[in-house]
Amino acid sequence: MVKRKITEYAGIVIILLCVILIFLRFYWVAAIVYVLWYILFGFVGLAFFFSSRRKIALSNLFLKITVHPTLLPFRKSFYFWTKSVNLILQDSTNIKKAYSLAEKVNIDNLYIDNNKAMFCSYLAALYNDLGEKSLAEKYIQIAQNIPHKNVR
């Protein structure tokens, strides 16, 4: 639980720290903190947001300018998930390539139960499209068994 809270709010804290440092005229320190934030978090949150709004070109731009090997584990999972979803949204025949990207996602790094349930549902859809009905049903059951909140 504590790990989840830290990961949820760390990005906001770092950005606020940058703003405070700029306000105090510590420009070099603020630049260093911002570069560290970029290395650890990237623009994955923005890419995921725009992907969910079906603005694929903008989402892909944010993914391109993010250096994924240096990302924190939960951001890396969102990076590959977003990249996989964007492939499907661009061309629905890229199922195998989207699946290979989705395999790189560590579901335990998604932390929040709603994210885990959504990703399991996404995997079930991929397995269904690949013709693996038994695996699709398995992941639907996993998604249903995760205690998640219904969001409108």
C-alpha atoms as a PDB file:
ATOM      1  CA  MET A   1       0.000   0.000   0.000  1.00  0.00           C
ATOM      2  CA  VAL A   2       2.769   2.453   0.889  1.00  0.00           C
ATOM      3  CA  LYS A   3       4.660   1.571  -2.303  1.00  0.00           C
ATOM      4  CA  ARG A   4       1.540   2.340  -4.338  1.00  0.00           C
ATOM      5  CA  LYS A   5       1.044   5.726  -2.678  1.00  0.00           C
ATOM      6  CA  ILE A   6       4.673   6.670  -3.257  1.00  0.00           C
ATOM      7  CA  THR A   7       4.472   5.772  -6.932  1.00  0.00           C
ATOM      8  CA  GLU A   8       1.203   7.657  -7.396  1.00  0.00           C
ATOM      9  CA  TYR A   9       2.423  10.914  -5.912  1.00  0.00           C
ATOM     10  CA  ALA A  10       6.162  10.923  -6.613  1.00  0.00           C
ATOM     11  CA  GLY A  11       5.766  12.566 -10.030  1.00  0.00           C
ATOM     12  CA  ILE A  12       3.648  15.380  -8.607  1.00  0.00           C
ATOM     13  CA  VAL A  13       6.093  15.950  -5.750  1.00  0.00           C
ATOM     14  CA  ILE A  14       9.042  16.164  -8.143  1.00  0.00           C
ATOM     15  CA  ILE A  15       7.255  18.650 -10.400  1.00  0.00           C
ATOM     16  CA  LEU A  16       6.301  20.791  -7.396  1.00  0.00           C
ATOM     17  CA  LEU A  17       9.908  20.659  -6.236  1.00  0.00           C
ATOM     18  CA  CYS A  18      10.990  21.948  -9.673  1.00  0.00           C
ATOM     19  CA  VAL A  19       8.510  24.819  -9.468  1.00  0.00           C
ATOM     20  CA  ILE A  20       9.691  25.742  -5.978  1.00  0.00           C
ATOM     21  CA  LEU A  21      13.328  25.618  -7.049  1.00  0.00           C
ATOM     22  CA  ILE A  22      12.595  27.873 -10.029  1.00  0.00           C
ATOM     23  CA  PHE A  23      10.711  30.276  -7.759  1.00  0.00           C
ATOM     24  CA  LEU A  24      13.741  30.355  -5.435  1.00  0.00           C
ATOM     25  CA  ARG A  25      15.972  30.963  -8.481  1.00  0.00           C
ATOM     26  CA  PHE A  26      17.885  27.698  -8.226  1.00  0.00           C
ATOM     27  CA  TYR A  27      17.629  27.167 -11.956  1.00  0.00           C
ATOM     28  CA  TRP A  28      20.440  24.606 -12.301  1.00  0.00           C
ATOM     29  CA  VAL A  29      19.134  22.486  -9.456  1.00  0.00           C
ATOM     30  CA  ALA A  30      15.627  22.666 -10.934  1.00  0.00           C
ATOM     31  CA  ALA A  31      17.001  21.592 -14.327  1.00  0.00           C
ATOM     32  CA  ILE A  32      18.766  18.618 -12.752  1.00  0.00           C
ATOM     33  CA  VAL A  33      15.629  17.586 -10.851  1.00  0.00           C
ATOM     34  CA  TYR A  34      13.568  17.898 -14.032  1.00  0.00           C
ATOM     35  CA  VAL A  35      16.040  15.759 -16.009  1.00  0.00           C
ATOM     36  CA  LEU A  36      15.900  13.117 -13.259  1.00  0.00           C
ATOM     37  CA  TRP A  37      12.098  13.205 -13.411  1.00  0.00           C
ATOM     38  CA  TYR A  38      12.223  12.774 -17.187  1.00  0.00           C
ATOM     39  CA  ILE A  39      14.620   9.822 -16.916  1.00  0.00           C
ATOM     40  CA  LEU A  40      12.517   8.033 -14.280  1.00  0.00           C
ATOM     41  CA  PHE A  41       8.969   8.919 -15.372  1.00  0.00           C
ATOM     42  CA  GLY A  42       9.144  10.098 -18.978  1.00  0.00           C
ATOM     43  CA  PHE A  43       5.973  11.180 -20.732  1.00  0.00           C
ATOM     44  CA  VAL A  44       4.206   7.841 -20.356  1.00  0.00           C
ATOM     45  CA  GLY A  45       1.303   9.308 -18.383  1.00  0.00           C
ATOM     46  CA  LEU A  46       0.569  11.798 -21.149  1.00  0.00           C
ATOM     47  CA  ALA A  47       0.912   9.086 -23.792  1.00  0.00           C
ATOM     48  CA  PHE A  48      -1.534   6.851 -21.905  1.00  0.00           C
ATOM     49  CA  PHE A  49      -3.961   9.757 -21.484  1.00  0.00           C
ATOM     50  CA  PHE A  50      -3.936  10.649 -25.189  1.00  0.00           C
ATOM     51  CA  SER A  51      -4.168   6.999 -26.191  1.00  0.00           C
ATOM     52  CA  SER A  52      -7.333   6.644 -24.116  1.00  0.00           C
ATOM     53  CA  ARG A  53      -8.708   9.709 -25.946  1.00  0.00           C
ATOM     54  CA  ARG A  54      -7.795   8.071 -29.324  1.00  0.00           C
ATOM     55  CA  LYS A  55      -5.236  10.755 -30.197  1.00  0.00           C
ATOM     56  CA  ILE A  56      -2.756   8.170 -31.385  1.00  0.00           C
ATOM     57  CA  ALA A  57      -0.323  10.481 -33.183  1.00  0.00           C
ATOM     58  CA  LEU A  58       0.162  12.594 -30.067  1.00  0.00           C
ATOM     59  CA  SER A  59       0.421   9.505 -27.884  1.00  0.00           C
ATOM     60  CA  ASN A  60       3.082   7.995 -30.146  1.00  0.00           C
ATOM     61  CA  LEU A  61       5.011  11.273 -30.081  1.00  0.00           C
ATOM     62  CA  PHE A  62       5.199  11.174 -26.285  1.00  0.00           C
ATOM     63  CA  LEU A  63       6.259   7.516 -26.412  1.00  0.00           C
ATOM     64  CA  LYS A  64       8.989   8.309 -28.942  1.00  0.00           C
ATOM     65  CA  ILE A  65      10.558  11.014 -26.806  1.00  0.00           C
ATOM     66  CA  THR A  66      10.530   8.767 -23.726  1.00  0.00           C
ATOM     67  CA  VAL A  67      13.605   6.667 -23.003  1.00  0.00           C
ATOM     68  CA  HIS A  68      12.025   3.415 -21.820  1.00  0.00           C
ATOM     69  CA  PRO A  69      15.093   1.548 -20.458  1.00  0.00           C
ATOM     70  CA  THR A  70      15.518   4.148 -17.695  1.00  0.00           C
ATOM     71  CA  LEU A  71      11.881   4.276 -16.589  1.00  0.00           C
ATOM     72  CA  LEU A  72      10.682   3.130 -13.195  1.00  0.00           C
ATOM     73  CA  PRO A  73       9.066  -0.342 -13.331  1.00  0.00           C
ATOM     74  CA  PHE A  74       5.455   0.848 -13.155  1.00  0.00           C
ATOM     75  CA  ARG A  75       6.066   3.441 -15.871  1.00  0.00           C
ATOM     76  CA  LYS A  76       7.791   0.842 -18.045  1.00  0.00           C
ATOM     77  CA  SER A  77       4.710  -1.395 -17.779  1.00  0.00           C
ATOM     78  CA  PHE A  78       2.469   1.490 -18.846  1.00  0.00           C
ATOM     79  CA  TYR A  79       4.905   2.299 -21.668  1.00  0.00           C
ATOM     80  CA  PHE A  80       4.591  -1.144 -23.242  1.00  0.00           C
ATOM     81  CA  TRP A  81       0.846  -1.327 -22.583  1.00  0.00           C
ATOM     82  CA  THR A  82       0.271   2.039 -24.276  1.00  0.00           C
ATOM     83  CA  LYS A  83       2.503   1.098 -27.191  1.00  0.00           C
ATOM     84  CA  SER A  84       0.542  -2.137 -27.645  1.00  0.00           C
ATOM     85  CA  VAL A  85      -2.825  -0.385 -27.522  1.00  0.00           C
ATOM     86  CA  ASN A  86      -1.646   2.227 -30.029  1.00  0.00           C
ATOM     87  CA  LEU A  87      -0.654  -0.507 -32.474  1.00  0.00           C
ATOM     88  CA  ILE A  88      -4.125  -2.034 -32.294  1.00  0.00           C
ATOM     89  CA  LEU A  89      -5.817   1.351 -32.631  1.00  0.00           C
ATOM     90  CA  GLN A  90      -3.732   2.239 -35.690  1.00  0.00           C
ATOM     91  CA  ASP A  91      -4.134  -1.082 -37.479  1.00  0.00           C
ATOM     92  CA  SER A  92      -6.225  -3.902 -36.053  1.00  0.00           C
ATOM     93  CA  THR A  93      -4.215  -6.501 -37.997  1.00  0.00           C
ATOM     94  CA  ASN A  94      -1.085  -5.941 -35.851  1.00  0.00           C
ATOM     95  CA  ILE A  95      -2.312  -8.363 -33.188  1.00  0.00           C
ATOM     96  CA  LYS A  96       0.852 -10.469 -32.963  1.00  0.00           C
ATOM     97  CA  LYS A  97       3.095  -7.428 -32.644  1.00  0.00           C
ATOM     98  CA  ALA A  98       0.745  -5.881 -30.078  1.00  0.00           C
ATOM     99  CA  TYR A  99       0.787  -9.163 -28.146  1.00  0.00           C
ATOM    100  CA  SER A 100       4.588  -9.239 -28.150  1.00  0.00           C
ATOM    101  CA  LEU A 101       4.597  -5.752 -26.598  1.00  0.00           C
ATOM    102  CA  ALA A 102       1.900  -6.712 -24.089  1.00  0.00           C
ATOM    103  CA  GLU A 103       4.055  -9.655 -22.961  1.00  0.00           C
ATOM    104  CA  LYS A 104       6.638  -7.158 -21.707  1.00  0.00           C
ATOM    105  CA  VAL A 105       4.167  -5.690 -19.214  1.00  0.00           C
ATOM    106  CA  ASN A 106       4.610  -6.880 -15.644  1.00  0.00           C
ATOM    107  CA  ILE A 107       1.088  -6.893 -14.264  1.00  0.00           C
ATOM    108  CA  ASP A 108       2.336  -6.621 -10.667  1.00  0.00           C
ATOM    109  CA  ASN A 109       3.907  -3.260 -11.516  1.00  0.00           C
ATOM    110  CA  LEU A 110       0.523  -1.748 -12.409  1.00  0.00           C
ATOM    111  CA  TYR A 111      -0.215  -1.521  -8.621  1.00  0.00           C
ATOM    112  CA  ILE A 112      -3.815  -0.265  -8.828  1.00  0.00           C
ATOM    113  CA  ASP A 113      -6.438  -2.998  -9.086  1.00  0.00           C
ATOM    114  CA  ASN A 114      -8.428  -1.187 -11.773  1.00  0.00           C
ATOM    115  CA  ASN A 115      -5.324  -1.037 -13.975  1.00  0.00           C
ATOM    116  CA  LYS A 116      -4.645  -4.730 -13.407  1.00  0.00           C
ATOM    117  CA  ALA A 117      -8.239  -5.619 -14.290  1.00  0.00           C
ATOM    118  CA  MET A 118      -8.161  -3.445 -17.427  1.00  0.00           C
ATOM    119  CA  PHE A 119      -4.891  -4.989 -18.551  1.00  0.00           C
ATOM    120  CA  CYS A 120      -6.194  -8.535 -17.976  1.00  0.00           C
ATOM    121  CA  SER A 121      -9.255  -7.641 -20.055  1.00  0.00           C
ATOM    122  CA  TYR A 122      -6.979  -6.282 -22.767  1.00  0.00           C
ATOM    123  CA  LEU A 123      -4.941  -9.503 -22.728  1.00  0.00           C
ATOM    124  CA  ALA A 124      -8.157 -11.505 -22.969  1.00  0.00           C
ATOM    125  CA  ALA A 125      -9.153  -9.513 -26.053  1.00  0.00           C
ATOM    126  CA  LEU A 126      -5.727 -10.130 -27.617  1.00  0.00           C
ATOM    127  CA  TYR A 127      -5.934 -13.862 -26.910  1.00  0.00           C
ATOM    128  CA  ASN A 128      -9.427 -13.935 -28.356  1.00  0.00           C
ATOM    129  CA  ASP A 129      -8.207 -12.253 -31.541  1.00  0.00           C
ATOM    130  CA  LEU A 130      -5.307 -14.714 -31.711  1.00  0.00           C
ATOM    131  CA  GLY A 131      -7.798 -17.601 -31.524  1.00  0.00           C
ATOM    132  CA  GLU A 132      -6.790 -18.785 -28.055  1.00  0.00           C
ATOM    133  CA  LYS A 133     -10.249 -18.941 -26.471  1.00  0.00           C
ATOM    134  CA  SER A 134      -9.205 -20.862 -23.336  1.00  0.00           C
ATOM    135  CA  LEU A 135      -6.535 -18.287 -22.446  1.00  0.00           C
ATOM    136  CA  ALA A 136      -8.995 -15.481 -23.182  1.00  0.00           C
ATOM    137  CA  GLU A 137     -11.515 -17.007 -20.775  1.00  0.00           C
ATOM    138  CA  LYS A 138      -8.786 -17.479 -18.165  1.00  0.00           C
ATOM    139  CA  TYR A 139      -7.825 -13.794 -18.288  1.00  0.00           C
ATOM    140  CA  ILE A 140     -11.468 -12.702 -18.181  1.00  0.00           C
ATOM    141  CA  GLN A 141     -11.841 -14.742 -14.981  1.00  0.00           C
ATOM    142  CA  ILE A 142      -8.667 -13.178 -13.560  1.00  0.00           C
ATOM    143  CA  ALA A 143      -9.970  -9.694 -14.387  1.00  0.00           C
ATOM    144  CA  GLN A 144     -13.312 -10.437 -12.756  1.00  0.00           C
ATOM    145  CA  ASN A 145     -11.646 -11.793  -9.616  1.00  0.00           C
ATOM    146  CA  ILE A 146      -9.496  -8.694  -9.069  1.00  0.00           C
ATOM    147  CA  PRO A 147     -11.295  -6.457  -6.567  1.00  0.00           C
ATOM    148  CA  HIS A 148     -11.675  -3.310  -8.646  1.00  0.00           C
ATOM    149  CA  LYS A 149     -13.920  -0.276  -8.514  1.00  0.00           C
ATOM    150  CA  ASN A 150     -16.524   0.311 -11.192  1.00  0.00           C
ATOM    151  CA  VAL A 151     -15.658   3.582 -12.907  1.00  0.00           C
ATOM    152  CA  ARG A 152     -18.041   5.367 -15.226  1.00  0.00           C
END
